[in-house]
Amino acid sequence: MATRGTKVERRSVNSNQDYEIEYEAQKLNTSPEKIREAKKATGSNQRKDIEKAARHKH
């Protein structure tokens, strides 16, 4: 049962954790601010949605 929470956690980006924003920014070769903008624009915490929006803005 404990692994389910871990898997769910990996699919989302927590804005309160700077290292998660930094990781996504480095992964997509963009700025942390662009990741925050993409997260806000999508209204989602899902990593796949944020990455898709950030790529289109890039």
PDB file of N, CA and C in Angstrom:
ATOM      1  N   MET A   1       0.826  -1.194   0.000  1.00  0.00           N
ATOM      2  CA  MET A   1       0.000   0.000   0.000  1.00  0.00           C
ATOM      3  C   MET A   1       0.867   1.255   0.000  1.00  0.00           C
ATOM      4  N   ALA A   2       2.017   1.196   0.591  1.00  0.00           N
ATOM      5  CA  ALA A   2       2.894   2.365   0.674  1.00  0.00           C
ATOM      6  C   ALA A   2       3.440   2.759  -0.691  1.00  0.00           C
ATOM      7  N   THR A   3       3.599   1.813  -1.597  1.00  0.00           N
ATOM      8  CA  THR A   3       4.163   2.138  -2.904  1.00  0.00           C
ATOM      9  C   THR A   3       3.203   2.958  -3.758  1.00  0.00           C
ATOM     10  N   ARG A   4       1.923   2.818  -3.539  1.00  0.00           N
ATOM     11  CA  ARG A   4       0.966   3.586  -4.337  1.00  0.00           C
ATOM     12  C   ARG A   4       1.183   5.081  -4.168  1.00  0.00           C
ATOM     13  N   GLY A   5       1.370   5.543  -2.969  1.00  0.00           N
ATOM     14  CA  GLY A   5       1.609   6.959  -2.725  1.00  0.00           C
ATOM     15  C   GLY A   5       2.861   7.449  -3.411  1.00  0.00           C
ATOM     16  N   THR A   6       3.877   6.626  -3.448  1.00  0.00           N
ATOM     17  CA  THR A   6       5.131   6.985  -4.099  1.00  0.00           C
ATOM     18  C   THR A   6       4.930   7.136  -5.592  1.00  0.00           C
ATOM     19  N   LYS A   7       4.215   6.206  -6.205  1.00  0.00           N
ATOM     20  CA  LYS A   7       3.984   6.272  -7.645  1.00  0.00           C
ATOM     21  C   LYS A   7       3.154   7.491  -8.014  1.00  0.00           C
ATOM     22  N   VAL A   8       2.159   7.793  -7.239  1.00  0.00           N
ATOM     23  CA  VAL A   8       1.326   8.960  -7.496  1.00  0.00           C
ATOM     24  C   VAL A   8       2.172  10.227  -7.357  1.00  0.00           C
ATOM     25  N   GLU A   9       3.024  10.247  -6.349  1.00  0.00           N
ATOM     26  CA  GLU A   9       3.878  11.405  -6.095  1.00  0.00           C
ATOM     27  C   GLU A   9       4.810  11.685  -7.272  1.00  0.00           C
ATOM     28  N   ARG A  10       5.299  10.667  -7.913  1.00  0.00           N
ATOM     29  CA  ARG A  10       6.238  10.837  -9.028  1.00  0.00           C
ATOM     30  C   ARG A  10       5.583  11.442 -10.254  1.00  0.00           C
ATOM     31  N   ARG A  11       4.283  11.316 -10.355  1.00  0.00           N
ATOM     32  CA  ARG A  11       3.578  11.846 -11.524  1.00  0.00           C
ATOM     33  C   ARG A  11       3.174  13.303 -11.367  1.00  0.00           C
ATOM     34  N   SER A  12       3.449  13.887 -10.208  1.00  0.00           N
ATOM     35  CA  SER A  12       3.050  15.269  -9.991  1.00  0.00           C
ATOM     36  C   SER A  12       4.248  16.139  -9.611  1.00  0.00           C
ATOM     37  N   VAL A  13       4.065  17.444  -9.779  1.00  0.00           N
ATOM     38  CA  VAL A  13       5.096  18.425  -9.442  1.00  0.00           C
ATOM     39  C   VAL A  13       4.542  19.300  -8.332  1.00  0.00           C
ATOM     40  N   ASN A  14       5.253  19.361  -7.237  1.00  0.00           N
ATOM     41  CA  ASN A  14       4.837  20.168  -6.098  1.00  0.00           C
ATOM     42  C   ASN A  14       5.508  21.541  -6.187  1.00  0.00           C
ATOM     43  N   SER A  15       4.737  22.587  -6.334  1.00  0.00           N
ATOM     44  CA  SER A  15       5.281  23.944  -6.470  1.00  0.00           C
ATOM     45  C   SER A  15       5.992  24.412  -5.217  1.00  0.00           C
ATOM     46  N   ASN A  16       5.651  23.836  -4.093  1.00  0.00           N
ATOM     47  CA  ASN A  16       6.269  24.251  -2.839  1.00  0.00           C
ATOM     48  C   ASN A  16       7.659  23.665  -2.670  1.00  0.00           C
ATOM     49  N   GLN A  17       8.033  22.751  -3.515  1.00  0.00           N
ATOM     50  CA  GLN A  17       9.349  22.120  -3.454  1.00  0.00           C
ATOM     51  C   GLN A  17      10.203  22.664  -4.602  1.00  0.00           C
ATOM     52  N   ASP A  18      11.112  23.575  -4.280  1.00  0.00           N
ATOM     53  CA  ASP A  18      11.947  24.199  -5.313  1.00  0.00           C
ATOM     54  C   ASP A  18      12.737  23.181  -6.120  1.00  0.00           C
ATOM     55  N   TYR A  19      13.187  22.097  -5.475  1.00  0.00           N
ATOM     56  CA  TYR A  19      13.989  21.118  -6.192  1.00  0.00           C
ATOM     57  C   TYR A  19      13.183  20.409  -7.274  1.00  0.00           C
ATOM     58  N   GLU A  20      11.879  20.267  -7.102  1.00  0.00           N
ATOM     59  CA  GLU A  20      11.057  19.645  -8.139  1.00  0.00           C
ATOM     60  C   GLU A  20      10.925  20.574  -9.346  1.00  0.00           C
ATOM     61  N   ILE A  21      10.750  21.853  -9.092  1.00  0.00           N
ATOM     62  CA  ILE A  21      10.683  22.838 -10.175  1.00  0.00           C
ATOM     63  C   ILE A  21      12.029  22.901 -10.902  1.00  0.00           C
ATOM     64  N   GLU A  22      13.119  22.916 -10.146  1.00  0.00           N
ATOM     65  CA  GLU A  22      14.472  22.945 -10.731  1.00  0.00           C
ATOM     66  C   GLU A  22      14.720  21.704 -11.586  1.00  0.00           C
ATOM     67  N   TYR A  23      14.310  20.546 -11.097  1.00  0.00           N
ATOM     68  CA  TYR A  23      14.497  19.301 -11.841  1.00  0.00           C
ATOM     69  C   TYR A  23      13.783  19.366 -13.187  1.00  0.00           C
ATOM     70  N   GLU A  24      12.539  19.796 -13.183  1.00  0.00           N
ATOM     71  CA  GLU A  24      11.784  19.900 -14.429  1.00  0.00           C
ATOM     72  C   GLU A  24      12.422  20.912 -15.378  1.00  0.00           C
ATOM     73  N   ALA A  25      12.884  22.020 -14.842  1.00  0.00           N
ATOM     74  CA  ALA A  25      13.517  23.053 -15.669  1.00  0.00           C
ATOM     75  C   ALA A  25      14.779  22.505 -16.331  1.00  0.00           C
ATOM     76  N   GLN A  26      15.604  21.802 -15.582  1.00  0.00           N
ATOM     77  CA  GLN A  26      16.825  21.224 -16.148  1.00  0.00           C
ATOM     78  C   GLN A  26      16.483  20.145 -17.168  1.00  0.00           C
ATOM     79  N   LYS A  27      15.506  19.350 -16.866  1.00  0.00           N
ATOM     80  CA  LYS A  27      15.090  18.263 -17.752  1.00  0.00           C
ATOM     81  C   LYS A  27      14.633  18.801 -19.111  1.00  0.00           C
ATOM     82  N   LEU A  28      13.933  19.933 -19.095  1.00  0.00           N
ATOM     83  CA  LEU A  28      13.409  20.512 -20.330  1.00  0.00           C
ATOM     84  C   LEU A  28      14.280  21.628 -20.880  1.00  0.00           C
ATOM     85  N   ASN A  29      15.411  21.872 -20.226  1.00  0.00           N
ATOM     86  CA  ASN A  29      16.348  22.915 -20.651  1.00  0.00           C
ATOM     87  C   ASN A  29      15.657  24.275 -20.744  1.00  0.00           C
ATOM     88  N   THR A  30      14.999  24.644 -19.666  1.00  0.00           N
ATOM     89  CA  THR A  30      14.289  25.916 -19.595  1.00  0.00           C
ATOM     90  C   THR A  30      14.451  26.499 -18.193  1.00  0.00           C
ATOM     91  N   SER A  31      13.813  27.602 -17.937  1.00  0.00           N
ATOM     92  CA  SER A  31      13.937  28.256 -16.632  1.00  0.00           C
ATOM     93  C   SER A  31      12.856  27.759 -15.666  1.00  0.00           C
ATOM     94  N   PRO A  32      13.139  27.836 -14.379  1.00  0.00           N
ATOM     95  CA  PRO A  32      12.122  27.465 -13.391  1.00  0.00           C
ATOM     96  C   PRO A  32      10.856  28.310 -13.524  1.00  0.00           C
ATOM     97  N   GLU A  33      11.019  29.557 -13.914  1.00  0.00           N
ATOM     98  CA  GLU A  33       9.860  30.432 -14.085  1.00  0.00           C
ATOM     99  C   GLU A  33       8.932  29.914 -15.187  1.00  0.00           C
ATOM    100  N   LYS A  34       9.500  29.389 -16.261  1.00  0.00           N
ATOM    101  CA  LYS A  34       8.684  28.824 -17.353  1.00  0.00           C
ATOM    102  C   LYS A  34       7.897  27.607 -16.861  1.00  0.00           C
ATOM    103  N   ILE A  35       8.509  26.822 -15.979  1.00  0.00           N
ATOM    104  CA  ILE A  35       7.812  25.663 -15.417  1.00  0.00           C
ATOM    105  C   ILE A  35       6.654  26.127 -14.549  1.00  0.00           C
ATOM    106  N   ARG A  36       6.892  27.140 -13.742  1.00  0.00           N
ATOM    107  CA  ARG A  36       5.820  27.670 -12.894  1.00  0.00           C
ATOM    108  C   ARG A  36       4.686  28.240 -13.743  1.00  0.00           C
ATOM    109  N   GLU A  37       5.035  28.947 -14.832  1.00  0.00           N
ATOM    110  CA  GLU A  37       4.021  29.490 -15.736  1.00  0.00           C
ATOM    111  C   GLU A  37       3.205  28.366 -16.389  1.00  0.00           C
ATOM    112  N   ALA A  38       3.905  27.321 -16.821  1.00  0.00           N
ATOM    113  CA  ALA A  38       3.221  26.188 -17.453  1.00  0.00           C
ATOM    114  C   ALA A  38       2.298  25.499 -16.454  1.00  0.00           C
ATOM    115  N   LYS A  39       2.747  25.387 -15.230  1.00  0.00           N
ATOM    116  CA  LYS A  39       1.937  24.755 -14.182  1.00  0.00           C
ATOM    117  C   LYS A  39       0.682  25.580 -13.916  1.00  0.00           C
ATOM    118  N   LYS A  40       0.856  26.869 -13.861  1.00  0.00           N
ATOM    119  CA  LYS A  40      -0.281  27.759 -13.621  1.00  0.00           C
ATOM    120  C   LYS A  40      -1.245  27.748 -14.816  1.00  0.00           C
ATOM    121  N   ALA A  41      -0.688  27.751 -16.030  1.00  0.00           N
ATOM    122  CA  ALA A  41      -1.512  27.772 -17.235  1.00  0.00           C
ATOM    123  C   ALA A  41      -2.344  26.501 -17.379  1.00  0.00           C
ATOM    124  N   THR A  42      -1.776  25.370 -17.007  1.00  0.00           N
ATOM    125  CA  THR A  42      -2.514  24.111 -17.141  1.00  0.00           C
ATOM    126  C   THR A  42      -3.484  23.899 -15.989  1.00  0.00           C
ATOM    127  N   GLY A  43      -3.188  24.497 -14.844  1.00  0.00           N
ATOM    128  CA  GLY A  43      -4.026  24.288 -13.673  1.00  0.00           C
ATOM    129  C   GLY A  43      -3.913  22.869 -13.151  1.00  0.00           C
ATOM    130  N   SER A  44      -2.799  22.235 -13.477  1.00  0.00           N
ATOM    131  CA  SER A  44      -2.611  20.833 -13.125  1.00  0.00           C
ATOM    132  C   SER A  44      -1.275  20.637 -12.420  1.00  0.00           C
ATOM    133  N   ASN A  45      -1.216  19.617 -11.582  1.00  0.00           N
ATOM    134  CA  ASN A  45       0.044  19.232 -10.951  1.00  0.00           C
ATOM    135  C   ASN A  45       0.686  18.066 -11.682  1.00  0.00           C
ATOM    136  N   GLN A  46       0.023  17.547 -12.690  1.00  0.00           N
ATOM    137  CA  GLN A  46       0.522  16.375 -13.395  1.00  0.00           C
ATOM    138  C   GLN A  46       1.746  16.728 -14.231  1.00  0.00           C
ATOM    139  N   ARG A  47       2.807  15.963 -14.023  1.00  0.00           N
ATOM    140  CA  ARG A  47       4.088  16.192 -14.684  1.00  0.00           C
ATOM    141  C   ARG A  47       3.934  16.201 -16.210  1.00  0.00           C
ATOM    142  N   LYS A  48       3.170  15.257 -16.762  1.00  0.00           N
ATOM    143  CA  LYS A  48       3.030  15.171 -18.224  1.00  0.00           C
ATOM    144  C   LYS A  48       2.346  16.417 -18.796  1.00  0.00           C
ATOM    145  N   ASP A  49       1.364  16.962 -18.098  1.00  0.00           N
ATOM    146  CA  ASP A  49       0.666  18.159 -18.564  1.00  0.00           C
ATOM    147  C   ASP A  49       1.590  19.380 -18.520  1.00  0.00           C
ATOM    148  N   ILE A  50       2.351  19.489 -17.454  1.00  0.00           N
ATOM    149  CA  ILE A  50       3.268  20.623 -17.286  1.00  0.00           C
ATOM    150  C   ILE A  50       4.369  20.565 -18.329  1.00  0.00           C
ATOM    151  N   GLU A  51       4.923  19.377 -18.563  1.00  0.00           N
ATOM    152  CA  GLU A  51       5.984  19.223 -19.562  1.00  0.00           C
ATOM    153  C   GLU A  51       5.466  19.577 -20.956  1.00  0.00           C
ATOM    154  N   LYS A  52       4.267  19.136 -21.270  1.00  0.00           N
ATOM    155  CA  LYS A  52       3.685  19.425 -22.581  1.00  0.00           C
ATOM    156  C   LYS A  52       3.499  20.937 -22.768  1.00  0.00           C
ATOM    157  N   ALA A  53       2.967  21.603 -21.759  1.00  0.00           N
ATOM    158  CA  ALA A  53       2.752  23.050 -21.847  1.00  0.00           C
ATOM    159  C   ALA A  53       4.090  23.799 -21.912  1.00  0.00           C
ATOM    160  N   ALA A  54       5.078  23.361 -21.148  1.00  0.00           N
ATOM    161  CA  ALA A  54       6.377  24.029 -21.137  1.00  0.00           C
ATOM    162  C   ALA A  54       7.088  23.874 -22.475  1.00  0.00           C
ATOM    163  N   ARG A  55       6.933  22.727 -23.109  1.00  0.00           N
ATOM    164  CA  ARG A  55       7.562  22.504 -24.425  1.00  0.00           C
ATOM    165  C   ARG A  55       6.962  23.429 -25.477  1.00  0.00           C
ATOM    166  N   HIS A  56       5.657  23.646 -25.402  1.00  0.00           N
ATOM    167  CA  HIS A  56       4.998  24.505 -26.378  1.00  0.00           C
ATOM    168  C   HIS A  56       5.369  25.966 -26.176  1.00  0.00           C
ATOM    169  N   LYS A  57       5.640  26.355 -24.944  1.00  0.00           N
ATOM    170  CA  LYS A  57       6.035  27.738 -24.658  1.00  0.00           C
ATOM    171  C   LYS A  57       7.496  27.970 -25.001  1.00  0.00           C
ATOM    172  N   HIS A  58       8.267  26.891 -24.979  1.00  0.00           N
ATOM    173  CA  HIS A  58       9.715  26.975 -25.189  1.00  0.00           C
ATOM    174  C   HIS A  58       9.973  27.395 -26.593  1.00  0.00           C
TER     175      HIS A  58
END
